[in-house]
Amino acid sequence: MACFLVSGGEAIIGTAVREVVKKKEMEQGIVDERGNQLTDPAEDGICWTRKIGWLLNMLWGGVILLCIEHMWHGEVVPFPPFLTAMNDPSEIPVMLHEMATVGVGMALLVTLVWFIAIFVADAAVKTKPATAAKEA
């Protein structure tokens, strides 16, 4: 019904956090105005602006796909109250329970996958290929 709203809330907060981090990294000369990394990831790791961007892509992508799926099934409509569960007061507790269980679970799983991905990505860029070490 409305489980995608939890990930949407996380994505909104994440977008604000990314802007704050980007501003700080711009002041430090790590990224430019567009968020492109200026430092060498092999030496300094991948910048947080880019890492948070990956999380936002995952979250916003899921929110959009789930919103479309819920529209397809008639659970979300383009007119107020937008969520069909809001039309019937007896459906509101069911909707809130789904948000608290399924929505929070999905948001936590996406965030966990993101943590694993940034750990692997940082390890991959910091590891120099064996052939380059032999040539040096």
Protein backbone atom coordinates (compact mmCIF):
# COMPACT_ATOMS: atom_id res chain seq x y z
CA MET A 1 0.00 0.00 0.00
CA ALA A 2 2.49 2.65 1.10
CA CYS A 3 5.70 0.79 1.91
CA PHE A 4 7.64 2.84 -0.65
CA LEU A 5 7.06 6.00 1.42
CA VAL A 6 9.61 4.80 3.99
CA SER A 7 12.35 4.54 1.36
CA GLY A 8 11.15 7.84 -0.04
CA GLY A 9 11.61 9.47 3.36
CA GLU A 10 15.11 8.00 3.63
CA ALA A 11 15.88 9.25 0.12
CA ILE A 12 14.74 12.79 0.97
CA ILE A 13 16.91 12.85 4.10
CA GLY A 14 19.80 11.31 2.12
CA THR A 15 19.50 14.00 -0.54
CA ALA A 16 19.85 16.70 2.10
CA VAL A 17 22.81 14.89 3.68
CA ARG A 18 24.49 14.53 0.28
CA GLU A 19 24.25 18.28 -0.32
CA VAL A 20 25.87 19.02 3.05
CA VAL A 21 28.64 16.46 2.41
CA LYS A 22 29.18 17.77 -1.13
CA LYS A 23 29.56 21.32 0.16
CA LYS A 24 32.12 20.17 2.73
CA GLU A 25 34.03 18.10 0.15
CA MET A 26 34.01 21.05 -2.28
CA GLU A 27 35.63 23.22 0.39
CA GLN A 28 38.29 20.54 0.89
CA GLY A 29 38.91 20.27 -2.87
CA ILE A 30 37.73 16.67 -3.07
CA VAL A 31 34.84 17.23 -5.49
CA ASP A 32 33.78 19.90 -7.97
CA GLU A 33 30.40 21.71 -8.18
CA ARG A 34 28.83 18.76 -10.00
CA GLY A 35 30.02 16.26 -7.39
CA ASN A 36 32.77 14.77 -9.58
CA GLN A 37 35.73 13.53 -7.58
CA LEU A 38 38.93 15.54 -8.09
CA THR A 39 41.21 13.38 -5.94
CA ASP A 40 42.59 9.96 -6.85
CA PRO A 41 40.25 7.24 -5.54
CA ALA A 42 43.14 4.73 -5.53
CA GLU A 43 44.91 6.84 -2.92
CA ASP A 44 42.10 8.55 -1.00
CA GLY A 45 39.18 6.19 -1.55
CA ILE A 46 35.91 7.04 -3.22
CA CYS A 47 34.44 10.34 -2.04
CA TRP A 48 31.36 10.30 0.16
CA THR A 49 29.44 12.48 -2.28
CA ARG A 50 29.65 9.69 -4.85
CA LYS A 51 28.92 6.95 -2.29
CA ILE A 52 25.81 8.71 -1.03
CA GLY A 53 24.79 9.25 -4.66
CA TRP A 54 24.82 5.46 -5.13
CA LEU A 55 22.50 5.05 -2.15
CA LEU A 56 20.18 7.72 -3.50
CA ASN A 57 20.06 6.05 -6.92
CA MET A 58 19.09 2.77 -5.27
CA LEU A 59 16.46 4.39 -3.04
CA TRP A 60 14.87 6.69 -5.63
CA GLY A 61 14.87 3.91 -8.21
CA GLY A 62 13.03 1.61 -5.82
CA VAL A 63 10.58 4.32 -4.82
CA ILE A 64 9.71 5.09 -8.44
CA LEU A 65 9.32 1.43 -9.40
CA LEU A 66 7.20 0.63 -6.35
CA CYS A 67 5.04 3.71 -6.89
CA ILE A 68 4.38 2.62 -10.48
CA GLU A 69 3.60 -0.92 -9.29
CA HIS A 70 1.20 0.40 -6.65
CA MET A 71 -0.46 2.65 -9.24
CA TRP A 72 -0.83 -0.36 -11.54
CA HIS A 73 -2.69 -2.23 -8.79
CA GLY A 74 -4.86 0.78 -7.91
CA GLU A 75 -3.37 1.37 -4.46
CA VAL A 76 -2.03 4.81 -5.42
CA VAL A 77 -4.17 7.23 -7.42
CA PRO A 78 -3.36 10.64 -8.96
CA PHE A 79 -5.91 12.51 -6.83
CA PRO A 80 -6.28 13.13 -3.08
CA PRO A 81 -5.87 11.31 -0.76
CA PHE A 82 -3.49 9.53 -3.23
CA LEU A 83 -3.38 6.35 -1.17
CA THR A 84 -6.61 4.37 -1.53
CA ALA A 85 -6.14 2.97 1.98
CA MET A 86 -6.78 6.48 3.32
CA ASN A 87 -10.38 6.35 2.01
CA ASP A 88 -11.35 3.73 4.60
CA PRO A 89 -10.37 4.45 8.23
CA SER A 90 -10.22 0.71 8.96
CA GLU A 91 -7.44 0.34 6.36
CA ILE A 92 -5.14 2.96 7.92
CA PRO A 93 -3.76 0.66 10.66
CA VAL A 94 -3.09 -2.01 8.03
CA MET A 95 -1.24 0.55 5.89
CA LEU A 96 0.82 1.78 8.85
CA HIS A 97 1.69 -1.80 9.81
CA GLU A 98 2.87 -2.48 6.25
CA MET A 99 4.99 0.66 6.32
CA ALA A 100 6.49 -0.33 9.69
CA THR A 101 7.32 -3.87 8.62
CA VAL A 102 7.76 -4.13 4.85
CA GLY A 103 8.78 -0.51 4.26
CA VAL A 104 11.34 -0.36 7.05
CA GLY A 105 12.63 -3.82 6.10
CA MET A 106 13.16 -2.78 2.48
CA ALA A 107 14.87 0.47 3.45
CA LEU A 108 17.19 -1.36 5.85
CA LEU A 109 18.03 -4.02 3.25
CA VAL A 110 18.86 -1.41 0.60
CA THR A 111 21.05 0.46 3.09
CA LEU A 112 22.82 -2.77 4.10
CA VAL A 113 23.51 -3.65 0.46
CA TRP A 114 24.84 -0.11 -0.03
CA PHE A 115 27.21 -0.47 2.94
CA ILE A 116 28.55 -3.72 1.51
CA ALA A 117 28.90 -2.13 -1.94
CA ILE A 118 30.88 0.87 -0.69
CA PHE A 119 33.17 -1.40 1.33
CA VAL A 120 33.85 -3.59 -1.71
CA ALA A 121 34.24 -0.58 -4.03
CA ASP A 122 36.74 1.13 -1.74
CA ALA A 123 38.71 -2.09 -1.39
CA ALA A 124 38.69 -2.57 -5.17
CA VAL A 125 39.98 0.91 -6.04
CA LYS A 126 42.64 0.89 -3.33
CA THR A 127 44.01 -2.48 -4.40
CA LYS A 128 46.66 -2.09 -7.07
CA PRO A 129 46.77 -4.76 -9.78
CA ALA A 130 49.57 -7.34 -9.37
CA THR A 131 50.94 -6.59 -12.87
CA ALA A 132 51.42 -2.90 -12.06
CA ALA A 133 53.34 -3.80 -8.89
CA LYS A 134 55.68 -6.10 -10.83
CA GLU A 135 56.43 -3.44 -13.47
CA ALA A 136 57.37 -0.82 -10.87
